[in-house]
Amino acid sequence: MSVEIADLRKEYTLNGLDRSDVLADPFAQFRQWFEAALGAGIPEPNAMHLATVGENGRPSGRIVLIKEVDSRGFVFYTNYESDKGHDLAANPVASLTFFYPELERQIRVEGVVEKVTPEESDIYFGSRPRGSQIGAWVSRQSTIIQNRDELTNRQNELETQFEGKPVPRPPHWGGYRVVPDLIEFWQGRPSRLHDRIRYRLVDGAWVIERVSP
């Protein structure tokens, strides 16, 4: 039996969210919700939607994995020569969205983007599985290839090249940090009257606001 897309809907009833429920520090609040997602067994709670804008003004989105969060911002790693890398070179701003449907929660982050230091990228790259390290050399991310054999052949070449040796970090691969000036926590509620608590950075201090759904 076919289902009309317009008829798909869910009533959100698990929890509410009030300004008095959240912590003063949005990063501490993020960690609290992230730990709840981990505890709930949500697959890949570190997965997030990353939205960037190219120099032509065209937005683009994809799912990436967050690898570090602290008071400086949200860090992810990628190929600097990828489409997202070109977008961020032209417009160093981005938005992130985490969605935890099992908890009826969403977190949005907006801010400017900067590259992490080479030393930070080296440390993280060194912690990756060896296959992923070689994969960073193999993939010329976002470029057109004719077939998968191109990847397999290049992988075999590099495995031979680096056999018995540490795999160095490619110069075109590293981290970005989203330095937020806005973080919003969304809790689903009945009748689409959702709870939204927003943190905005104003003159170096976080202002907490309730936003209409």
C-alpha atoms as a PDB file:
ATOM      1  CA  MET A   1       0.000   0.000   0.000  1.00  0.00           C
ATOM      2  CA  SER A   2       1.408   3.358  -1.021  1.00  0.00           C
ATOM      3  CA  VAL A   3       1.672   6.174   1.497  1.00  0.00           C
ATOM      4  CA  GLU A   4       1.231   9.820   0.619  1.00  0.00           C
ATOM      5  CA  ILE A   5       4.292  11.824   1.648  1.00  0.00           C
ATOM      6  CA  ALA A   6       2.029  14.634   2.841  1.00  0.00           C
ATOM      7  CA  ASP A   7       0.365  12.214   5.268  1.00  0.00           C
ATOM      8  CA  LEU A   8       3.611  11.299   7.045  1.00  0.00           C
ATOM      9  CA  ARG A   9       3.734  12.986  10.421  1.00  0.00           C
ATOM     10  CA  LYS A  10       4.759  12.354  14.012  1.00  0.00           C
ATOM     11  CA  GLU A  11       3.486  13.893  17.204  1.00  0.00           C
ATOM     12  CA  TYR A  12       6.330  14.819  19.551  1.00  0.00           C
ATOM     13  CA  THR A  13       5.478  14.088  23.178  1.00  0.00           C
ATOM     14  CA  LEU A  14       8.620  12.938  25.028  1.00  0.00           C
ATOM     15  CA  ASN A  15       9.837  16.089  26.770  1.00  0.00           C
ATOM     16  CA  GLY A  16       9.626  19.833  27.069  1.00  0.00           C
ATOM     17  CA  LEU A  17      12.402  22.407  27.213  1.00  0.00           C
ATOM     18  CA  ASP A  18      12.292  25.655  29.161  1.00  0.00           C
ATOM     19  CA  ARG A  19      14.844  28.399  29.566  1.00  0.00           C
ATOM     20  CA  SER A  20      15.224  27.335  33.193  1.00  0.00           C
ATOM     21  CA  ASP A  21      16.175  23.809  32.063  1.00  0.00           C
ATOM     22  CA  VAL A  22      19.341  24.733  30.201  1.00  0.00           C
ATOM     23  CA  LEU A  23      22.854  25.452  31.417  1.00  0.00           C
ATOM     24  CA  ALA A  24      24.452  28.892  31.143  1.00  0.00           C
ATOM     25  CA  ASP A  25      27.218  27.534  28.899  1.00  0.00           C
ATOM     26  CA  PRO A  26      25.933  26.310  25.499  1.00  0.00           C
ATOM     27  CA  PHE A  27      28.909  23.966  25.090  1.00  0.00           C
ATOM     28  CA  ALA A  28      28.080  22.314  28.414  1.00  0.00           C
ATOM     29  CA  GLN A  29      24.464  22.083  27.268  1.00  0.00           C
ATOM     30  CA  PHE A  30      25.602  20.466  24.014  1.00  0.00           C
ATOM     31  CA  ARG A  31      27.676  17.915  25.914  1.00  0.00           C
ATOM     32  CA  GLN A  32      24.677  17.116  28.111  1.00  0.00           C
ATOM     33  CA  TRP A  33      22.446  16.409  25.106  1.00  0.00           C
ATOM     34  CA  PHE A  34      25.232  14.561  23.296  1.00  0.00           C
ATOM     35  CA  GLU A  35      25.760  12.295  26.314  1.00  0.00           C
ATOM     36  CA  ALA A  36      22.008  11.656  26.403  1.00  0.00           C
ATOM     37  CA  ALA A  37      22.145  10.627  22.734  1.00  0.00           C
ATOM     38  CA  LEU A  38      25.032   8.270  23.497  1.00  0.00           C
ATOM     39  CA  GLY A  39      23.132   6.808  26.442  1.00  0.00           C
ATOM     40  CA  ALA A  40      20.062   6.273  24.273  1.00  0.00           C
ATOM     41  CA  GLY A  41      22.093   4.161  21.860  1.00  0.00           C
ATOM     42  CA  ILE A  42      21.502   6.483  18.908  1.00  0.00           C
ATOM     43  CA  PRO A  43      23.678   5.370  15.958  1.00  0.00           C
ATOM     44  CA  GLU A  44      26.455   7.849  15.206  1.00  0.00           C
ATOM     45  CA  PRO A  45      25.334  10.709  17.460  1.00  0.00           C
ATOM     46  CA  ASN A  46      28.412  12.563  16.164  1.00  0.00           C
ATOM     47  CA  ALA A  47      26.900  12.720  12.662  1.00  0.00           C
ATOM     48  CA  MET A  48      25.830  16.208  11.653  1.00  0.00           C
ATOM     49  CA  HIS A  49      24.592  18.053   8.598  1.00  0.00           C
ATOM     50  CA  LEU A  50      27.142  20.617   7.424  1.00  0.00           C
ATOM     51  CA  ALA A  51      25.853  23.435   5.219  1.00  0.00           C
ATOM     52  CA  THR A  52      28.210  25.709   3.279  1.00  0.00           C
ATOM     53  CA  VAL A  53      27.772  28.355   0.586  1.00  0.00           C
ATOM     54  CA  GLY A  54      29.883  28.621  -2.545  1.00  0.00           C
ATOM     55  CA  GLU A  55      31.192  31.813  -4.090  1.00  0.00           C
ATOM     56  CA  ASN A  56      28.201  31.702  -6.478  1.00  0.00           C
ATOM     57  CA  GLY A  57      25.833  31.924  -3.490  1.00  0.00           C
ATOM     58  CA  ARG A  58      24.601  28.361  -3.958  1.00  0.00           C
ATOM     59  CA  PRO A  59      24.162  26.415  -0.674  1.00  0.00           C
ATOM     60  CA  SER A  60      25.368  22.837  -0.338  1.00  0.00           C
ATOM     61  CA  GLY A  61      24.889  20.275   2.421  1.00  0.00           C
ATOM     62  CA  ARG A  62      26.241  16.899   3.450  1.00  0.00           C
ATOM     63  CA  ILE A  63      26.606  14.680   6.511  1.00  0.00           C
ATOM     64  CA  VAL A  64      30.009  14.697   8.239  1.00  0.00           C
ATOM     65  CA  LEU A  65      31.257  13.568  11.646  1.00  0.00           C
ATOM     66  CA  ILE A  66      32.142  15.896  14.504  1.00  0.00           C
ATOM     67  CA  LYS A  67      35.477  14.947  16.043  1.00  0.00           C
ATOM     68  CA  GLU A  68      35.968  17.501  18.820  1.00  0.00           C
ATOM     69  CA  VAL A  69      33.889  20.010  20.768  1.00  0.00           C
ATOM     70  CA  ASP A  70      35.220  22.451  23.326  1.00  0.00           C
ATOM     71  CA  SER A  71      34.787  26.100  24.221  1.00  0.00           C
ATOM     72  CA  ARG A  72      36.534  27.095  20.983  1.00  0.00           C
ATOM     73  CA  GLY A  73      34.013  25.376  18.729  1.00  0.00           C
ATOM     74  CA  PHE A  74      33.098  22.272  16.736  1.00  0.00           C
ATOM     75  CA  VAL A  75      35.828  20.463  14.763  1.00  0.00           C
ATOM     76  CA  PHE A  76      35.541  18.192  11.733  1.00  0.00           C
ATOM     77  CA  TYR A  77      38.143  16.925   9.263  1.00  0.00           C
ATOM     78  CA  THR A  78      38.067  16.698   5.486  1.00  0.00           C
ATOM     79  CA  ASN A  79      39.927  17.226   2.231  1.00  0.00           C
ATOM     80  CA  TYR A  80      40.665  20.945   1.876  1.00  0.00           C
ATOM     81  CA  GLU A  81      40.340  20.589  -1.923  1.00  0.00           C
ATOM     82  CA  SER A  82      36.816  19.131  -1.753  1.00  0.00           C
ATOM     83  CA  ASP A  83      33.684  21.045  -2.710  1.00  0.00           C
ATOM     84  CA  LYS A  84      33.144  21.977   0.928  1.00  0.00           C
ATOM     85  CA  GLY A  85      36.755  23.134   1.136  1.00  0.00           C
ATOM     86  CA  HIS A  86      36.291  25.430  -1.871  1.00  0.00           C
ATOM     87  CA  ASP A  87      33.053  26.753  -0.347  1.00  0.00           C
ATOM     88  CA  LEU A  88      34.758  27.511   2.957  1.00  0.00           C
ATOM     89  CA  ALA A  89      37.679  29.214   1.219  1.00  0.00           C
ATOM     90  CA  ALA A  90      35.219  31.530  -0.529  1.00  0.00           C
ATOM     91  CA  ASN A  91      32.787  31.958   2.382  1.00  0.00           C
ATOM     92  CA  PRO A  92      34.266  30.910   5.746  1.00  0.00           C
ATOM     93  CA  VAL A  93      30.903  30.446   7.470  1.00  0.00           C
ATOM     94  CA  ALA A  94      28.830  27.322   8.051  1.00  0.00           C
ATOM     95  CA  SER A  95      25.877  25.851   9.864  1.00  0.00           C
ATOM     96  CA  LEU A  96      25.684  22.458  11.588  1.00  0.00           C
ATOM     97  CA  THR A  97      22.596  20.445  12.480  1.00  0.00           C
ATOM     98  CA  PHE A  98      22.456  17.438  14.787  1.00  0.00           C
ATOM     99  CA  PHE A  99      19.183  15.477  14.730  1.00  0.00           C
ATOM    100  CA  TYR A 100      18.264  12.884  17.350  1.00  0.00           C
ATOM    101  CA  PRO A 101      14.804  11.603  16.339  1.00  0.00           C
ATOM    102  CA  GLU A 102      14.718   9.011  19.123  1.00  0.00           C
ATOM    103  CA  LEU A 103      14.903  11.873  21.641  1.00  0.00           C
ATOM    104  CA  GLU A 104      12.858  14.275  19.486  1.00  0.00           C
ATOM    105  CA  ARG A 105      15.748  16.727  19.632  1.00  0.00           C
ATOM    106  CA  GLN A 106      17.709  18.891  17.236  1.00  0.00           C
ATOM    107  CA  ILE A 107      20.735  21.150  17.751  1.00  0.00           C
ATOM    108  CA  ARG A 108      21.659  23.924  15.314  1.00  0.00           C
ATOM    109  CA  VAL A 109      25.004  25.721  15.231  1.00  0.00           C
ATOM    110  CA  GLU A 110      26.007  28.738  13.136  1.00  0.00           C
ATOM    111  CA  GLY A 111      29.317  30.531  12.982  1.00  0.00           C
ATOM    112  CA  VAL A 112      32.542  31.418  11.232  1.00  0.00           C
ATOM    113  CA  VAL A 113      34.978  28.713  10.170  1.00  0.00           C
ATOM    114  CA  GLU A 114      38.728  28.522  10.596  1.00  0.00           C
ATOM    115  CA  LYS A 115      41.287  25.816   9.931  1.00  0.00           C
ATOM    116  CA  VAL A 116      42.696  24.074  12.976  1.00  0.00           C
ATOM    117  CA  THR A 117      46.470  24.180  13.396  1.00  0.00           C
ATOM    118  CA  PRO A 118      48.618  21.725  11.424  1.00  0.00           C
ATOM    119  CA  GLU A 119      49.678  20.217  14.747  1.00  0.00           C
ATOM    120  CA  GLU A 120      46.048  19.495  15.686  1.00  0.00           C
ATOM    121  CA  SER A 121      45.439  17.928  12.278  1.00  0.00           C
ATOM    122  CA  ASP A 122      48.596  15.808  12.628  1.00  0.00           C
ATOM    123  CA  ILE A 123      47.496  14.499  16.013  1.00  0.00           C
ATOM    124  CA  TYR A 124      44.049  13.536  14.810  1.00  0.00           C
ATOM    125  CA  PHE A 125      45.346  12.045  11.551  1.00  0.00           C
ATOM    126  CA  GLY A 126      47.749   9.894  13.559  1.00  0.00           C
ATOM    127  CA  SER A 127      44.842   8.488  15.561  1.00  0.00           C
ATOM    128  CA  ARG A 128      42.940   7.285  12.477  1.00  0.00           C
ATOM    129  CA  PRO A 129      42.968   3.663  11.314  1.00  0.00           C
ATOM    130  CA  ARG A 130      45.710   3.041   8.775  1.00  0.00           C
ATOM    131  CA  GLY A 131      43.158   2.300   6.048  1.00  0.00           C
ATOM    132  CA  SER A 132      41.552   5.702   6.595  1.00  0.00           C
ATOM    133  CA  GLN A 133      44.963   7.373   6.516  1.00  0.00           C
ATOM    134  CA  ILE A 134      45.731   5.837   3.130  1.00  0.00           C
ATOM    135  CA  GLY A 135      42.190   6.656   1.987  1.00  0.00           C
ATOM    136  CA  ALA A 136      42.893  10.346   2.594  1.00  0.00           C
ATOM    137  CA  TRP A 137      45.703  10.094   0.016  1.00  0.00           C
ATOM    138  CA  VAL A 138      43.649   7.976  -2.388  1.00  0.00           C
ATOM    139  CA  SER A 139      40.601  10.205  -2.716  1.00  0.00           C
ATOM    140  CA  ARG A 140      40.758  13.425  -4.691  1.00  0.00           C
ATOM    141  CA  GLN A 141      37.475  14.283  -3.067  1.00  0.00           C
ATOM    142  CA  SER A 142      34.670  15.697  -5.251  1.00  0.00           C
ATOM    143  CA  THR A 143      36.584  15.191  -8.519  1.00  0.00           C
ATOM    144  CA  ILE A 144      35.118  13.041 -11.311  1.00  0.00           C
ATOM    145  CA  ILE A 145      36.441   9.467 -11.692  1.00  0.00           C
ATOM    146  CA  GLN A 146      35.623   6.905 -14.366  1.00  0.00           C
ATOM    147  CA  ASN A 147      35.125   3.853 -12.138  1.00  0.00           C
ATOM    148  CA  ARG A 148      35.977   2.345  -8.776  1.00  0.00           C
ATOM    149  CA  ASP A 149      39.074   0.679 -10.232  1.00  0.00           C
ATOM    150  CA  GLU A 150      40.764   4.086 -10.143  1.00  0.00           C
ATOM    151  CA  LEU A 151      40.386   4.127  -6.372  1.00  0.00           C
ATOM    152  CA  THR A 152      41.411   0.489  -5.921  1.00  0.00           C
ATOM    153  CA  ASN A 153      44.513   0.834  -8.096  1.00  0.00           C
ATOM    154  CA  ARG A 154      45.579   4.023  -6.336  1.00  0.00           C
ATOM    155  CA  GLN A 155      44.978   2.383  -2.953  1.00  0.00           C
ATOM    156  CA  ASN A 156      47.164  -0.579  -3.901  1.00  0.00           C
ATOM    157  CA  GLU A 157      49.927   1.752  -5.089  1.00  0.00           C
ATOM    158  CA  LEU A 158      49.900   3.724  -1.854  1.00  0.00           C
ATOM    159  CA  GLU A 159      49.781   0.647   0.364  1.00  0.00           C
ATOM    160  CA  THR A 160      52.958  -0.500  -1.380  1.00  0.00           C
ATOM    161  CA  GLN A 161      54.526   2.961  -1.123  1.00  0.00           C
ATOM    162  CA  PHE A 162      53.871   3.253   2.615  1.00  0.00           C
ATOM    163  CA  GLU A 163      54.467  -0.395   3.506  1.00  0.00           C
ATOM    164  CA  GLY A 164      56.343  -0.652   6.798  1.00  0.00           C
ATOM    165  CA  LYS A 165      56.258   3.133   7.278  1.00  0.00           C
ATOM    166  CA  PRO A 166      53.977   5.592   9.055  1.00  0.00           C
ATOM    167  CA  VAL A 167      51.467   7.262   6.754  1.00  0.00           C
ATOM    168  CA  PRO A 168      52.027  11.054   6.802  1.00  0.00           C
ATOM    169  CA  ARG A 169      49.096  13.459   6.726  1.00  0.00           C
ATOM    170  CA  PRO A 170      48.414  14.739   3.212  1.00  0.00           C
ATOM    171  CA  PRO A 171      48.969  18.503   2.947  1.00  0.00           C
ATOM    172  CA  HIS A 172      45.485  18.856   1.448  1.00  0.00           C
ATOM    173  CA  TRP A 173      43.764  17.179   4.403  1.00  0.00           C
ATOM    174  CA  GLY A 174      42.999  18.623   7.832  1.00  0.00           C
ATOM    175  CA  GLY A 175      40.518  20.095  10.243  1.00  0.00           C
ATOM    176  CA  TYR A 176      38.074  22.967  10.335  1.00  0.00           C
ATOM    177  CA  ARG A 177      36.638  24.547  13.451  1.00  0.00           C
ATOM    178  CA  VAL A 178      33.180  26.128  13.400  1.00  0.00           C
ATOM    179  CA  VAL A 179      33.373  28.980  15.918  1.00  0.00           C
ATOM    180  CA  PRO A 180      29.737  29.576  16.826  1.00  0.00           C
ATOM    181  CA  ASP A 181      27.905  32.782  17.496  1.00  0.00           C
ATOM    182  CA  LEU A 182      24.550  30.977  17.626  1.00  0.00           C
ATOM    183  CA  ILE A 183      23.578  27.591  19.116  1.00  0.00           C
ATOM    184  CA  GLU A 184      19.953  26.495  19.311  1.00  0.00           C
ATOM    185  CA  PHE A 185      18.402  23.540  21.135  1.00  0.00           C
ATOM    186  CA  TRP A 186      15.086  22.251  19.775  1.00  0.00           C
ATOM    187  CA  GLN A 187      12.758  19.870  21.590  1.00  0.00           C
ATOM    188  CA  GLY A 188       9.760  18.514  19.716  1.00  0.00           C
ATOM    189  CA  ARG A 189       6.354  19.226  21.245  1.00  0.00           C
ATOM    190  CA  PRO A 190       2.732  18.378  20.356  1.00  0.00           C
ATOM    191  CA  SER A 191       0.856  20.284  17.647  1.00  0.00           C
ATOM    192  CA  ARG A 192       4.155  21.528  16.175  1.00  0.00           C
ATOM    193  CA  LEU A 193       4.491  24.002  19.058  1.00  0.00           C
ATOM    194  CA  HIS A 194       8.088  22.989  19.605  1.00  0.00           C
ATOM    195  CA  ASP A 195      10.397  24.371  22.278  1.00  0.00           C
ATOM    196  CA  ARG A 196      13.382  26.319  20.979  1.00  0.00           C
ATOM    197  CA  ILE A 197      16.050  27.755  23.285  1.00  0.00           C
ATOM    198  CA  ARG A 198      18.672  29.830  21.516  1.00  0.00           C
ATOM    199  CA  TYR A 199      22.077  31.080  22.655  1.00  0.00           C
ATOM    200  CA  ARG A 200      23.437  34.156  20.843  1.00  0.00           C
ATOM    201  CA  LEU A 201      26.897  35.582  21.361  1.00  0.00           C
ATOM    202  CA  VAL A 202      26.553  39.322  22.084  1.00  0.00           C
ATOM    203  CA  ASP A 203      29.623  41.383  23.001  1.00  0.00           C
ATOM    204  CA  GLY A 204      31.478  38.249  24.092  1.00  0.00           C
ATOM    205  CA  ALA A 205      28.692  36.892  26.310  1.00  0.00           C
ATOM    206  CA  TRP A 206      26.013  34.303  25.619  1.00  0.00           C
ATOM    207  CA  VAL A 207      22.430  35.573  25.693  1.00  0.00           C
ATOM    208  CA  ILE A 208      19.740  32.899  26.160  1.00  0.00           C
ATOM    209  CA  GLU A 209      16.384  33.374  24.447  1.00  0.00           C
ATOM    210  CA  ARG A 210      13.208  31.383  23.839  1.00  0.00           C
ATOM    211  CA  VAL A 211      12.269  31.416  20.155  1.00  0.00           C
ATOM    212  CA  SER A 212       8.790  30.896  18.737  1.00  0.00           C
ATOM    213  CA  PRO A 213       8.443  27.554  16.926  1.00  0.00           C
END
